[in-house]
Amino acid sequence: MKRKPRRAFDLQDFLSSAGAARKVVEFRRKQRIFSQGDPADAVLYVQEGAVRLSVLSAAGKEAVVGMMGAGDFFGEGCLAGQPLRMGSATALLPTRLLVVEKKTMVRVLHEQHALADRFMAYVLGRNIRIEEDLIDQLFNSSEKRLARALLLMARYGMEGPPRKMRVKVSQEILAEMVGTTRSRVNYFMNKFRKLGFIEYNGGIRIHDALLSVVLHE
């Protein structure tokens, strides 16, 4: 679960070094950033706030597949030739994004090799995270999946200690992320709180001890 801390990617410096134009867009809480099936024509970088990524099945069932926070990229599939968005993105709270057109991002990646290496490391890290998420869904209990989701949202394993989650994620969203019911999420959250793994105080504070739930066989 715990991996070597990685330095946050600073896209501001990345673009400044290449003289690329910047486009900053702000979104309200619950505002849709893009929808499934929209043209995939830009990479987005979260300067501030939080973003929920979700997909909608042909039967109309929605599933949360990712939560992005400050310092995260999303929508980078366009760089690999993805013509349309495979899912939707929604702001979880007031969010500010840096939007980089595909052609601009491609040019910068070709011109700035050292910075391109950092971007590639970020993308590979995201791929590893996706694989871990899939394994988590296939083999772990809903209690372990919830504990892991909370640790990831608290940036466990990155620079600095786990911190208070700024995003007020509802139990409904947590249930969608974990793949269980809201009642089960409520049960486990109360259990974690009683055990001293998490705290409620205007938000959720995650303690290192929560990792024991993920590691327990």
N, C-alpha and C. Protein backbone atom coordinates (compact mmCIF):
# COMPACT_ATOMS: atom_id res chain seq x y z
N MET A 1 0.83 -1.20 0.00
CA MET A 1 0.00 0.00 0.00
C MET A 1 0.87 1.25 0.00
N LYS A 2 1.83 1.29 0.95
CA LYS A 2 2.67 2.48 1.04
C LYS A 2 3.78 2.41 0.00
N ARG A 3 3.91 3.47 -0.75
CA ARG A 3 4.95 3.49 -1.78
C ARG A 3 5.80 4.73 -1.62
N LYS A 4 6.89 4.78 -2.35
CA LYS A 4 7.81 5.90 -2.25
C LYS A 4 7.12 7.20 -2.59
N PRO A 5 7.26 8.23 -1.74
CA PRO A 5 6.61 9.51 -2.01
C PRO A 5 7.04 10.07 -3.35
N ARG A 6 6.11 10.67 -4.06
CA ARG A 6 6.47 11.30 -5.33
C ARG A 6 6.20 12.80 -5.26
N ARG A 7 7.03 13.53 -5.93
CA ARG A 7 6.89 14.98 -5.95
C ARG A 7 5.73 15.37 -6.85
N ALA A 8 4.92 16.30 -6.39
CA ALA A 8 3.79 16.75 -7.19
C ALA A 8 4.29 17.41 -8.48
N PHE A 9 3.61 17.14 -9.57
CA PHE A 9 3.99 17.69 -10.86
C PHE A 9 3.48 19.12 -10.96
N ASP A 10 4.36 20.06 -11.23
CA ASP A 10 3.98 21.47 -11.31
C ASP A 10 3.78 21.85 -12.77
N LEU A 11 2.55 21.79 -13.23
CA LEU A 11 2.27 22.09 -14.64
C LEU A 11 2.46 23.56 -14.94
N GLN A 12 2.32 24.42 -13.94
CA GLN A 12 2.55 25.85 -14.16
C GLN A 12 3.96 26.06 -14.68
N ASP A 13 4.95 25.50 -13.98
CA ASP A 13 6.34 25.62 -14.42
C ASP A 13 6.55 24.91 -15.75
N PHE A 14 5.86 23.78 -15.91
CA PHE A 14 5.97 22.99 -17.13
C PHE A 14 5.62 23.82 -18.36
N LEU A 15 4.51 24.52 -18.30
CA LEU A 15 4.07 25.33 -19.43
C LEU A 15 4.88 26.62 -19.57
N SER A 16 5.26 27.21 -18.45
CA SER A 16 6.03 28.45 -18.51
C SER A 16 7.36 28.22 -19.21
N SER A 17 7.96 27.07 -18.96
CA SER A 17 9.26 26.78 -19.55
C SER A 17 9.18 26.63 -21.06
N ALA A 18 7.98 26.31 -21.56
CA ALA A 18 7.81 26.13 -23.00
C ALA A 18 7.12 27.32 -23.65
N GLY A 19 6.78 28.32 -22.88
CA GLY A 19 6.12 29.50 -23.41
C GLY A 19 4.72 29.23 -23.92
N ALA A 20 4.09 28.20 -23.39
CA ALA A 20 2.75 27.85 -23.85
C ALA A 20 1.69 28.72 -23.18
N ALA A 21 0.61 28.97 -23.90
CA ALA A 21 -0.48 29.77 -23.35
C ALA A 21 -1.21 28.97 -22.28
N ARG A 22 -1.77 29.68 -21.31
CA ARG A 22 -2.50 29.03 -20.23
C ARG A 22 -3.98 29.37 -20.33
N LYS A 23 -4.79 28.41 -20.02
CA LYS A 23 -6.23 28.64 -19.98
C LYS A 23 -6.75 28.09 -18.66
N VAL A 24 -7.15 28.97 -17.78
CA VAL A 24 -7.65 28.57 -16.47
C VAL A 24 -9.17 28.67 -16.47
N VAL A 25 -9.83 27.60 -16.02
CA VAL A 25 -11.29 27.56 -15.99
C VAL A 25 -11.73 27.19 -14.58
N GLU A 26 -12.74 27.87 -14.08
CA GLU A 26 -13.26 27.60 -12.74
C GLU A 26 -14.65 26.96 -12.85
N PHE A 27 -14.90 26.01 -11.94
CA PHE A 27 -16.17 25.28 -11.94
C PHE A 27 -16.80 25.35 -10.55
N ARG A 28 -18.11 25.42 -10.51
CA ARG A 28 -18.85 25.39 -9.26
C ARG A 28 -18.95 23.96 -8.75
N ARG A 29 -19.30 23.83 -7.49
CA ARG A 29 -19.53 22.50 -6.91
C ARG A 29 -20.65 21.79 -7.68
N LYS A 30 -20.42 20.56 -8.04
CA LYS A 30 -21.34 19.69 -8.77
C LYS A 30 -21.50 20.07 -10.24
N GLN A 31 -20.70 21.03 -10.73
CA GLN A 31 -20.79 21.40 -12.15
C GLN A 31 -20.06 20.37 -13.00
N ARG A 32 -20.64 20.01 -14.13
CA ARG A 32 -20.05 19.03 -15.05
C ARG A 32 -18.90 19.69 -15.83
N ILE A 33 -17.76 19.03 -15.85
CA ILE A 33 -16.58 19.53 -16.56
C ILE A 33 -16.59 19.04 -17.99
N PHE A 34 -16.80 17.75 -18.16
CA PHE A 34 -17.07 17.19 -19.49
C PHE A 34 -17.90 15.94 -19.30
N SER A 35 -18.57 15.53 -20.37
CA SER A 35 -19.46 14.37 -20.32
C SER A 35 -18.92 13.22 -21.16
N GLN A 36 -19.32 12.03 -20.80
CA GLN A 36 -18.96 10.84 -21.56
C GLN A 36 -19.42 11.01 -23.00
N GLY A 37 -18.48 10.79 -23.94
CA GLY A 37 -18.81 10.95 -25.35
C GLY A 37 -18.42 12.29 -25.94
N ASP A 38 -18.02 13.25 -25.09
CA ASP A 38 -17.54 14.55 -25.58
C ASP A 38 -16.20 14.37 -26.30
N PRO A 39 -15.84 15.28 -27.21
CA PRO A 39 -14.53 15.20 -27.87
C PRO A 39 -13.39 15.26 -26.85
N ALA A 40 -12.42 14.38 -26.99
CA ALA A 40 -11.25 14.37 -26.10
C ALA A 40 -10.18 15.24 -26.75
N ASP A 41 -10.17 16.52 -26.42
CA ASP A 41 -9.30 17.46 -27.13
C ASP A 41 -8.36 18.23 -26.21
N ALA A 42 -8.29 17.87 -24.93
CA ALA A 42 -7.44 18.61 -24.00
C ALA A 42 -7.08 17.76 -22.79
N VAL A 43 -5.96 18.12 -22.17
CA VAL A 43 -5.54 17.52 -20.90
C VAL A 43 -5.86 18.54 -19.81
N LEU A 44 -6.34 18.09 -18.68
CA LEU A 44 -6.71 19.00 -17.60
C LEU A 44 -5.86 18.73 -16.36
N TYR A 45 -5.54 19.80 -15.66
CA TYR A 45 -4.70 19.74 -14.47
C TYR A 45 -5.42 20.47 -13.33
N VAL A 46 -5.56 19.80 -12.20
CA VAL A 46 -6.30 20.37 -11.07
C VAL A 46 -5.37 21.30 -10.28
N GLN A 47 -5.64 22.61 -10.35
CA GLN A 47 -4.89 23.57 -9.55
C GLN A 47 -5.43 23.63 -8.13
N GLU A 48 -6.75 23.57 -8.02
CA GLU A 48 -7.40 23.64 -6.71
C GLU A 48 -8.76 22.99 -6.80
N GLY A 49 -9.13 22.27 -5.73
CA GLY A 49 -10.44 21.63 -5.71
C GLY A 49 -10.35 20.12 -5.84
N ALA A 50 -11.41 19.52 -6.34
CA ALA A 50 -11.47 18.06 -6.48
C ALA A 50 -12.45 17.71 -7.58
N VAL A 51 -12.16 16.59 -8.26
CA VAL A 51 -12.95 16.16 -9.41
C VAL A 51 -13.31 14.69 -9.27
N ARG A 52 -14.55 14.38 -9.57
CA ARG A 52 -15.00 12.99 -9.59
C ARG A 52 -15.07 12.51 -11.04
N LEU A 53 -14.48 11.35 -11.32
CA LEU A 53 -14.55 10.73 -12.63
C LEU A 53 -15.52 9.55 -12.56
N SER A 54 -16.43 9.47 -13.51
CA SER A 54 -17.43 8.40 -13.49
C SER A 54 -17.73 7.91 -14.90
N VAL A 55 -18.29 6.72 -14.98
CA VAL A 55 -18.70 6.16 -16.27
C VAL A 55 -20.15 5.73 -16.16
N LEU A 56 -20.83 5.75 -17.29
CA LEU A 56 -22.25 5.38 -17.35
C LEU A 56 -22.41 4.19 -18.29
N SER A 57 -23.03 3.12 -17.78
CA SER A 57 -23.23 1.92 -18.60
C SER A 57 -24.40 2.13 -19.56
N ALA A 58 -24.51 1.20 -20.52
CA ALA A 58 -25.61 1.27 -21.48
C ALA A 58 -26.96 1.15 -20.78
N ALA A 59 -26.95 0.50 -19.61
CA ALA A 59 -28.20 0.33 -18.85
C ALA A 59 -28.51 1.54 -17.97
N GLY A 60 -27.62 2.55 -18.02
CA GLY A 60 -27.86 3.76 -17.24
C GLY A 60 -27.30 3.75 -15.83
N LYS A 61 -26.48 2.75 -15.51
CA LYS A 61 -25.88 2.67 -14.17
C LYS A 61 -24.57 3.42 -14.14
N GLU A 62 -24.41 4.33 -13.16
CA GLU A 62 -23.19 5.13 -13.06
C GLU A 62 -22.27 4.57 -11.99
N ALA A 63 -20.97 4.58 -12.28
CA ALA A 63 -19.97 4.11 -11.32
C ALA A 63 -18.85 5.13 -11.23
N VAL A 64 -18.40 5.42 -10.01
CA VAL A 64 -17.28 6.33 -9.80
C VAL A 64 -15.99 5.55 -10.01
N VAL A 65 -15.10 6.06 -10.86
CA VAL A 65 -13.86 5.35 -11.18
C VAL A 65 -12.62 6.10 -10.73
N GLY A 66 -12.78 7.31 -10.24
CA GLY A 66 -11.60 8.04 -9.79
C GLY A 66 -11.95 9.34 -9.11
N MET A 67 -11.04 9.78 -8.23
CA MET A 67 -11.17 11.06 -7.54
C MET A 67 -9.85 11.81 -7.73
N MET A 68 -9.89 12.97 -8.39
CA MET A 68 -8.70 13.76 -8.64
C MET A 68 -8.65 14.96 -7.71
N GLY A 69 -7.45 15.26 -7.21
CA GLY A 69 -7.27 16.42 -6.35
C GLY A 69 -6.19 17.34 -6.89
N ALA A 70 -5.86 18.38 -6.12
CA ALA A 70 -4.85 19.35 -6.55
C ALA A 70 -3.54 18.63 -6.88
N GLY A 71 -2.99 18.96 -8.06
CA GLY A 71 -1.75 18.35 -8.51
C GLY A 71 -1.94 17.15 -9.41
N ASP A 72 -3.20 16.79 -9.71
CA ASP A 72 -3.50 15.64 -10.56
C ASP A 72 -3.87 16.06 -11.97
N PHE A 73 -3.50 15.21 -12.93
CA PHE A 73 -3.96 15.33 -14.32
C PHE A 73 -5.16 14.43 -14.52
N PHE A 74 -5.99 14.75 -15.49
CA PHE A 74 -6.97 13.80 -16.00
C PHE A 74 -7.30 14.20 -17.44
N GLY A 75 -7.89 13.27 -18.16
CA GLY A 75 -8.19 13.51 -19.57
C GLY A 75 -7.02 13.31 -20.49
N GLU A 76 -5.93 12.68 -19.98
CA GLU A 76 -4.73 12.52 -20.80
C GLU A 76 -4.86 11.44 -21.86
N GLY A 77 -6.02 10.74 -21.88
CA GLY A 77 -6.23 9.72 -22.90
C GLY A 77 -6.20 10.27 -24.31
N CYS A 78 -6.48 11.57 -24.45
CA CYS A 78 -6.46 12.19 -25.79
C CYS A 78 -5.06 12.12 -26.40
N LEU A 79 -4.02 12.06 -25.57
CA LEU A 79 -2.65 12.01 -26.08
C LEU A 79 -2.33 10.67 -26.72
N ALA A 80 -3.13 9.66 -26.39
CA ALA A 80 -2.92 8.31 -26.95
C ALA A 80 -3.88 8.04 -28.10
N GLY A 81 -4.54 9.09 -28.60
CA GLY A 81 -5.44 8.94 -29.75
C GLY A 81 -6.88 8.68 -29.39
N GLN A 82 -7.24 8.84 -28.13
CA GLN A 82 -8.63 8.66 -27.72
C GLN A 82 -9.47 9.81 -28.27
N PRO A 83 -10.41 9.54 -29.19
CA PRO A 83 -11.18 10.63 -29.82
C PRO A 83 -12.28 11.20 -28.94
N LEU A 84 -12.88 10.34 -28.08
CA LEU A 84 -14.00 10.77 -27.25
C LEU A 84 -13.72 10.46 -25.78
N ARG A 85 -14.33 11.24 -24.89
CA ARG A 85 -14.17 10.99 -23.47
C ARG A 85 -14.84 9.66 -23.11
N MET A 86 -14.09 8.82 -22.39
CA MET A 86 -14.61 7.52 -22.00
C MET A 86 -15.52 7.60 -20.77
N GLY A 87 -15.49 8.73 -20.09
CA GLY A 87 -16.33 8.92 -18.91
C GLY A 87 -16.63 10.39 -18.70
N SER A 88 -17.24 10.71 -17.59
CA SER A 88 -17.58 12.09 -17.27
C SER A 88 -16.75 12.59 -16.09
N ALA A 89 -16.59 13.91 -16.00
CA ALA A 89 -15.86 14.54 -14.91
C ALA A 89 -16.74 15.63 -14.30
N THR A 90 -16.83 15.63 -12.97
CA THR A 90 -17.68 16.58 -12.25
C THR A 90 -16.91 17.18 -11.08
N ALA A 91 -17.04 18.48 -10.88
CA ALA A 91 -16.38 19.14 -9.75
C ALA A 91 -17.09 18.77 -8.46
N LEU A 92 -16.32 18.31 -7.46
CA LEU A 92 -16.90 17.94 -6.17
C LEU A 92 -17.06 19.15 -5.25
N LEU A 93 -16.29 20.19 -5.52
CA LEU A 93 -16.35 21.44 -4.77
C LEU A 93 -15.80 22.52 -5.68
N PRO A 94 -15.86 23.79 -5.33
CA PRO A 94 -15.31 24.81 -6.23
C PRO A 94 -13.90 24.42 -6.69
N THR A 95 -13.72 24.35 -8.00
CA THR A 95 -12.50 23.78 -8.58
C THR A 95 -11.93 24.68 -9.67
N ARG A 96 -10.60 24.81 -9.67
CA ARG A 96 -9.93 25.58 -10.71
C ARG A 96 -9.02 24.63 -11.49
N LEU A 97 -9.21 24.62 -12.81
CA LEU A 97 -8.45 23.73 -13.68
C LEU A 97 -7.62 24.50 -14.69
N LEU A 98 -6.47 23.95 -15.00
CA LEU A 98 -5.65 24.45 -16.09
C LEU A 98 -5.90 23.52 -17.27
N VAL A 99 -6.41 24.07 -18.35
CA VAL A 99 -6.78 23.28 -19.53
C VAL A 99 -5.72 23.47 -20.61
N VAL A 100 -5.15 22.37 -21.08
CA VAL A 100 -4.09 22.41 -22.09
C VAL A 100 -4.57 21.68 -23.33
N GLU A 101 -4.68 22.38 -24.45
CA GLU A 101 -5.12 21.74 -25.69
C GLU A 101 -4.16 20.61 -26.07
N LYS A 102 -4.72 19.60 -26.68
CA LYS A 102 -3.94 18.41 -27.05
C LYS A 102 -2.70 18.77 -27.85
N LYS A 103 -2.85 19.62 -28.87
CA LYS A 103 -1.71 19.94 -29.72
C LYS A 103 -0.62 20.67 -28.95
N THR A 104 -1.02 21.52 -27.99
CA THR A 104 -0.05 22.23 -27.17
C THR A 104 0.70 21.26 -26.27
N MET A 105 -0.03 20.35 -25.66
CA MET A 105 0.59 19.38 -24.76
C MET A 105 1.55 18.48 -25.52
N VAL A 106 1.16 18.05 -26.71
CA VAL A 106 2.04 17.20 -27.52
C VAL A 106 3.32 17.93 -27.87
N ARG A 107 3.20 19.21 -28.25
CA ARG A 107 4.39 19.99 -28.61
C ARG A 107 5.33 20.15 -27.42
N VAL A 108 4.76 20.49 -26.27
CA VAL A 108 5.58 20.69 -25.08
C VAL A 108 6.29 19.40 -24.67
N LEU A 109 5.59 18.28 -24.76
CA LEU A 109 6.19 17.00 -24.39
C LEU A 109 7.36 16.64 -25.32
N HIS A 110 7.24 17.05 -26.59
CA HIS A 110 8.33 16.78 -27.53
C HIS A 110 9.53 17.72 -27.32
N GLU A 111 9.24 18.94 -26.92
CA GLU A 111 10.32 19.94 -26.80
C GLU A 111 11.03 19.89 -25.45
N GLN A 112 10.33 19.54 -24.39
CA GLN A 112 10.89 19.57 -23.05
C GLN A 112 11.06 18.13 -22.53
N HIS A 113 12.19 17.53 -22.85
CA HIS A 113 12.39 16.11 -22.56
C HIS A 113 12.42 15.81 -21.06
N ALA A 114 13.10 16.62 -20.29
CA ALA A 114 13.20 16.36 -18.85
C ALA A 114 11.83 16.43 -18.20
N LEU A 115 11.04 17.43 -18.57
CA LEU A 115 9.72 17.56 -18.01
C LEU A 115 8.77 16.50 -18.55
N ALA A 116 9.02 16.08 -19.80
CA ALA A 116 8.21 15.00 -20.37
C ALA A 116 8.42 13.71 -19.57
N ASP A 117 9.64 13.50 -19.09
CA ASP A 117 9.93 12.32 -18.28
C ASP A 117 9.10 12.35 -16.99
N ARG A 118 8.96 13.53 -16.40
CA ARG A 118 8.17 13.64 -15.17
C ARG A 118 6.69 13.36 -15.45
N PHE A 119 6.23 13.87 -16.58
CA PHE A 119 4.84 13.62 -16.93
C PHE A 119 4.61 12.13 -17.18
N MET A 120 5.56 11.48 -17.86
CA MET A 120 5.43 10.05 -18.13
C MET A 120 5.41 9.25 -16.83
N ALA A 121 6.25 9.65 -15.87
CA ALA A 121 6.27 8.97 -14.57
C ALA A 121 4.91 9.10 -13.88
N TYR A 122 4.30 10.28 -14.03
CA TYR A 122 2.98 10.50 -13.43
C TYR A 122 1.95 9.56 -14.08
N VAL A 123 1.96 9.49 -15.41
CA VAL A 123 0.99 8.66 -16.12
C VAL A 123 1.17 7.19 -15.76
N LEU A 124 2.43 6.74 -15.69
CA LEU A 124 2.69 5.34 -15.33
C LEU A 124 2.20 5.06 -13.91
N GLY A 125 2.40 6.05 -13.02
CA GLY A 125 1.91 5.88 -11.66
C GLY A 125 0.40 5.74 -11.62
N ARG A 126 -0.28 6.52 -12.47
CA ARG A 126 -1.74 6.43 -12.56
C ARG A 126 -2.16 5.04 -13.06
N ASN A 127 -1.44 4.50 -14.03
CA ASN A 127 -1.77 3.17 -14.55
C ASN A 127 -1.63 2.10 -13.47
N ILE A 128 -0.57 2.21 -12.68
CA ILE A 128 -0.37 1.27 -11.58
C ILE A 128 -1.53 1.37 -10.60
N ARG A 129 -1.93 2.61 -10.33
CA ARG A 129 -3.05 2.84 -9.41
C ARG A 129 -4.32 2.20 -9.95
N ILE A 130 -4.57 2.30 -11.25
CA ILE A 130 -5.77 1.71 -11.85
C ILE A 130 -5.74 0.19 -11.70
N GLU A 131 -4.56 -0.42 -11.93
CA GLU A 131 -4.43 -1.86 -11.77
C GLU A 131 -4.70 -2.28 -10.33
N GLU A 132 -4.18 -1.50 -9.39
CA GLU A 132 -4.41 -1.79 -7.98
C GLU A 132 -5.89 -1.67 -7.63
N ASP A 133 -6.56 -0.67 -8.23
CA ASP A 133 -7.99 -0.49 -7.99
C ASP A 133 -8.78 -1.71 -8.48
N LEU A 134 -8.39 -2.23 -9.65
CA LEU A 134 -9.08 -3.39 -10.22
C LEU A 134 -8.89 -4.61 -9.33
N ILE A 135 -7.66 -4.85 -8.88
CA ILE A 135 -7.37 -5.97 -7.99
C ILE A 135 -8.16 -5.82 -6.69
N ASP A 136 -8.21 -4.57 -6.22
CA ASP A 136 -8.95 -4.27 -4.98
C ASP A 136 -10.41 -4.67 -5.12
N GLN A 137 -11.02 -4.31 -6.26
CA GLN A 137 -12.43 -4.62 -6.48
C GLN A 137 -12.67 -6.12 -6.60
N LEU A 138 -11.71 -6.85 -7.20
CA LEU A 138 -11.89 -8.27 -7.45
C LEU A 138 -11.69 -9.15 -6.22
N PHE A 139 -10.73 -8.77 -5.37
CA PHE A 139 -10.31 -9.70 -4.32
C PHE A 139 -10.52 -9.23 -2.89
N ASN A 140 -10.69 -7.94 -2.65
CA ASN A 140 -10.78 -7.46 -1.28
C ASN A 140 -12.21 -7.23 -0.82
N SER A 141 -12.41 -7.29 0.47
CA SER A 141 -13.73 -7.06 1.06
C SER A 141 -14.09 -5.58 0.94
N SER A 142 -15.36 -5.27 1.10
CA SER A 142 -15.80 -3.88 1.00
C SER A 142 -15.16 -3.04 2.11
N GLU A 143 -14.89 -3.64 3.28
CA GLU A 143 -14.24 -2.91 4.37
C GLU A 143 -12.83 -2.48 3.97
N LYS A 144 -12.07 -3.40 3.36
CA LYS A 144 -10.72 -3.07 2.91
C LYS A 144 -10.75 -2.05 1.78
N ARG A 145 -11.71 -2.19 0.89
CA ARG A 145 -11.80 -1.25 -0.23
C ARG A 145 -12.09 0.14 0.26
N LEU A 146 -12.96 0.26 1.27
CA LEU A 146 -13.27 1.57 1.82
C LEU A 146 -12.05 2.17 2.52
N ALA A 147 -11.34 1.37 3.29
CA ALA A 147 -10.14 1.85 3.98
C ALA A 147 -9.10 2.34 2.97
N ARG A 148 -8.92 1.60 1.91
CA ARG A 148 -7.94 1.99 0.88
C ARG A 148 -8.37 3.28 0.19
N ALA A 149 -9.66 3.42 -0.11
CA ALA A 149 -10.15 4.63 -0.77
C ALA A 149 -9.91 5.85 0.11
N LEU A 150 -10.15 5.72 1.42
CA LEU A 150 -9.94 6.84 2.34
C LEU A 150 -8.47 7.21 2.42
N LEU A 151 -7.59 6.21 2.47
CA LEU A 151 -6.16 6.46 2.54
C LEU A 151 -5.66 7.17 1.27
N LEU A 152 -6.16 6.75 0.13
CA LEU A 152 -5.75 7.37 -1.13
C LEU A 152 -6.22 8.81 -1.21
N MET A 153 -7.44 9.08 -0.77
CA MET A 153 -7.96 10.44 -0.81
C MET A 153 -7.24 11.35 0.17
N ALA A 154 -6.63 10.75 1.21
CA ALA A 154 -5.86 11.52 2.18
C ALA A 154 -4.39 11.61 1.75
N ARG A 155 -4.08 11.13 0.54
CA ARG A 155 -2.73 11.19 -0.02
C ARG A 155 -1.73 10.37 0.79
N TYR A 156 -2.16 9.23 1.31
CA TYR A 156 -1.25 8.39 2.06
C TYR A 156 -0.13 7.89 1.14
N GLY A 157 1.12 7.95 1.63
CA GLY A 157 2.27 7.49 0.86
C GLY A 157 2.91 8.57 0.02
N MET A 158 2.30 9.76 -0.03
CA MET A 158 2.90 10.87 -0.76
C MET A 158 3.66 11.75 0.23
N GLU A 159 4.21 12.86 -0.24
CA GLU A 159 5.02 13.73 0.61
C GLU A 159 4.20 14.23 1.79
N GLY A 160 4.78 14.15 2.98
CA GLY A 160 4.11 14.62 4.18
C GLY A 160 3.20 13.55 4.76
N PRO A 161 2.71 13.75 5.96
CA PRO A 161 1.83 12.78 6.62
C PRO A 161 0.43 12.84 6.04
N PRO A 162 -0.37 11.79 6.23
CA PRO A 162 -1.78 11.86 5.82
C PRO A 162 -2.43 13.07 6.46
N ARG A 163 -3.28 13.73 5.72
CA ARG A 163 -3.85 14.97 6.23
C ARG A 163 -5.38 14.92 6.18
N LYS A 164 -5.95 15.95 6.70
CA LYS A 164 -7.40 16.06 6.69
C LYS A 164 -7.91 16.13 5.26
N MET A 165 -8.93 15.38 4.95
CA MET A 165 -9.52 15.39 3.62
C MET A 165 -10.33 16.66 3.45
N ARG A 166 -9.95 17.50 2.48
CA ARG A 166 -10.65 18.76 2.24
C ARG A 166 -11.98 18.51 1.53
N VAL A 167 -12.05 17.39 0.81
CA VAL A 167 -13.25 17.11 0.05
C VAL A 167 -14.29 16.44 0.95
N LYS A 168 -15.47 17.02 1.02
CA LYS A 168 -16.54 16.42 1.80
C LYS A 168 -17.27 15.42 0.92
N VAL A 169 -16.78 14.19 0.95
CA VAL A 169 -17.33 13.13 0.12
C VAL A 169 -18.48 12.47 0.86
N SER A 170 -19.62 12.39 0.20
CA SER A 170 -20.78 11.78 0.83
C SER A 170 -20.62 10.27 0.90
N GLN A 171 -21.41 9.66 1.78
CA GLN A 171 -21.36 8.20 1.88
C GLN A 171 -21.90 7.54 0.63
N GLU A 172 -22.79 8.24 -0.08
CA GLU A 172 -23.30 7.70 -1.35
C GLU A 172 -22.17 7.57 -2.37
N ILE A 173 -21.31 8.59 -2.46
CA ILE A 173 -20.18 8.56 -3.40
C ILE A 173 -19.18 7.50 -2.97
N LEU A 174 -18.90 7.41 -1.68
CA LEU A 174 -17.99 6.38 -1.19
C LEU A 174 -18.52 4.99 -1.53
N ALA A 175 -19.83 4.80 -1.40
CA ALA A 175 -20.43 3.51 -1.72
C ALA A 175 -20.25 3.18 -3.20
N GLU A 176 -20.39 4.18 -4.07
CA GLU A 176 -20.20 3.97 -5.51
C GLU A 176 -18.74 3.63 -5.81
N MET A 177 -17.82 4.31 -5.13
CA MET A 177 -16.40 4.07 -5.35
C MET A 177 -16.00 2.66 -4.91
N VAL A 178 -16.54 2.24 -3.78
CA VAL A 178 -16.16 0.97 -3.18
C VAL A 178 -16.94 -0.20 -3.80
N GLY A 179 -18.11 0.09 -4.33
CA GLY A 179 -18.93 -0.96 -4.91
C GLY A 179 -19.74 -1.70 -3.87
N THR A 180 -20.34 -0.95 -2.94
CA THR A 180 -21.17 -1.54 -1.91
C THR A 180 -22.34 -0.61 -1.62
N THR A 181 -23.08 -0.86 -0.55
CA THR A 181 -24.24 -0.04 -0.23
C THR A 181 -23.86 1.07 0.75
N ARG A 182 -24.71 2.10 0.80
CA ARG A 182 -24.47 3.22 1.71
C ARG A 182 -24.52 2.74 3.16
N SER A 183 -25.41 1.81 3.46
CA SER A 183 -25.52 1.31 4.84
C SER A 183 -24.24 0.62 5.29
N ARG A 184 -23.60 -0.11 4.37
CA ARG A 184 -22.34 -0.77 4.71
C ARG A 184 -21.24 0.25 4.93
N VAL A 185 -21.21 1.29 4.09
CA VAL A 185 -20.21 2.35 4.27
C VAL A 185 -20.41 3.02 5.62
N ASN A 186 -21.66 3.31 5.99
CA ASN A 186 -21.96 3.94 7.26
C ASN A 186 -21.50 3.06 8.43
N TYR A 187 -21.73 1.76 8.30
CA TYR A 187 -21.31 0.82 9.35
C TYR A 187 -19.79 0.84 9.53
N PHE A 188 -19.06 0.76 8.42
CA PHE A 188 -17.60 0.71 8.51
C PHE A 188 -17.01 2.05 8.95
N MET A 189 -17.61 3.16 8.52
CA MET A 189 -17.11 4.47 8.94
C MET A 189 -17.25 4.62 10.45
N ASN A 190 -18.38 4.19 10.99
CA ASN A 190 -18.57 4.24 12.44
C ASN A 190 -17.58 3.33 13.16
N LYS A 191 -17.32 2.17 12.56
CA LYS A 191 -16.36 1.23 13.14
C LYS A 191 -14.96 1.84 13.15
N PHE A 192 -14.54 2.45 12.03
CA PHE A 192 -13.22 3.08 11.95
C PHE A 192 -13.09 4.21 12.98
N ARG A 193 -14.18 4.97 13.15
CA ARG A 193 -14.14 6.08 14.10
C ARG A 193 -13.99 5.57 15.54
N LYS A 194 -14.74 4.54 15.88
CA LYS A 194 -14.68 3.98 17.23
C LYS A 194 -13.30 3.39 17.53
N LEU A 195 -12.65 2.85 16.51
CA LEU A 195 -11.32 2.27 16.68
C LEU A 195 -10.22 3.33 16.67
N GLY A 196 -10.58 4.58 16.38
CA GLY A 196 -9.60 5.66 16.37
C GLY A 196 -8.82 5.77 15.07
N PHE A 197 -9.31 5.13 14.00
CA PHE A 197 -8.62 5.17 12.70
C PHE A 197 -8.92 6.47 11.95
N ILE A 198 -10.09 7.04 12.20
CA ILE A 198 -10.47 8.29 11.55
C ILE A 198 -11.15 9.19 12.58
N GLU A 199 -11.24 10.50 12.25
CA GLU A 199 -11.92 11.47 13.10
C GLU A 199 -12.86 12.31 12.25
N TYR A 200 -13.94 12.74 12.86
CA TYR A 200 -14.85 13.68 12.22
C TYR A 200 -14.75 15.00 12.96
N ASN A 201 -14.38 16.06 12.25
CA ASN A 201 -14.32 17.39 12.87
C ASN A 201 -14.36 18.43 11.75
N GLY A 202 -15.54 18.61 11.17
CA GLY A 202 -15.66 19.50 10.03
C GLY A 202 -15.06 18.90 8.78
N GLY A 203 -14.82 17.62 8.80
CA GLY A 203 -14.19 16.90 7.70
C GLY A 203 -13.69 15.58 8.25
N ILE A 204 -13.01 14.81 7.44
CA ILE A 204 -12.49 13.51 7.87
C ILE A 204 -10.97 13.59 7.98
N ARG A 205 -10.42 13.21 9.12
CA ARG A 205 -8.98 13.12 9.30
C ARG A 205 -8.60 11.65 9.39
N ILE A 206 -7.64 11.26 8.55
CA ILE A 206 -7.23 9.86 8.46
C ILE A 206 -5.95 9.64 9.26
N HIS A 207 -5.92 8.59 10.06
CA HIS A 207 -4.73 8.24 10.83
C HIS A 207 -4.02 7.04 10.19
N ASP A 208 -2.71 6.96 10.42
CA ASP A 208 -1.91 5.87 9.85
C ASP A 208 -2.47 4.49 10.21
N ALA A 209 -3.09 4.40 11.40
CA ALA A 209 -3.58 3.12 11.88
C ALA A 209 -4.61 2.48 10.94
N LEU A 210 -5.26 3.30 10.10
CA LEU A 210 -6.24 2.76 9.15
C LEU A 210 -5.60 1.77 8.19
N LEU A 211 -4.30 1.90 7.98
CA LEU A 211 -3.59 1.00 7.08
C LEU A 211 -3.69 -0.46 7.56
N SER A 212 -3.86 -0.65 8.86
CA SER A 212 -3.95 -2.01 9.40
C SER A 212 -5.14 -2.77 8.82
N VAL A 213 -6.19 -2.05 8.45
CA VAL A 213 -7.37 -2.69 7.86
C VAL A 213 -7.02 -3.24 6.49
N VAL A 214 -6.23 -2.47 5.73
CA VAL A 214 -5.84 -2.90 4.38
C VAL A 214 -4.88 -4.07 4.43
N LEU A 215 -3.96 -4.06 5.40
CA LEU A 215 -2.92 -5.10 5.49
C LEU A 215 -3.40 -6.37 6.18
N HIS A 216 -4.51 -6.27 6.92
CA HIS A 216 -4.99 -7.44 7.67
C HIS A 216 -5.47 -8.53 6.73
N GLU A 217 -5.02 -9.75 6.99
CA GLU A 217 -5.43 -10.91 6.17
C GLU A 217 -6.72 -11.52 6.73
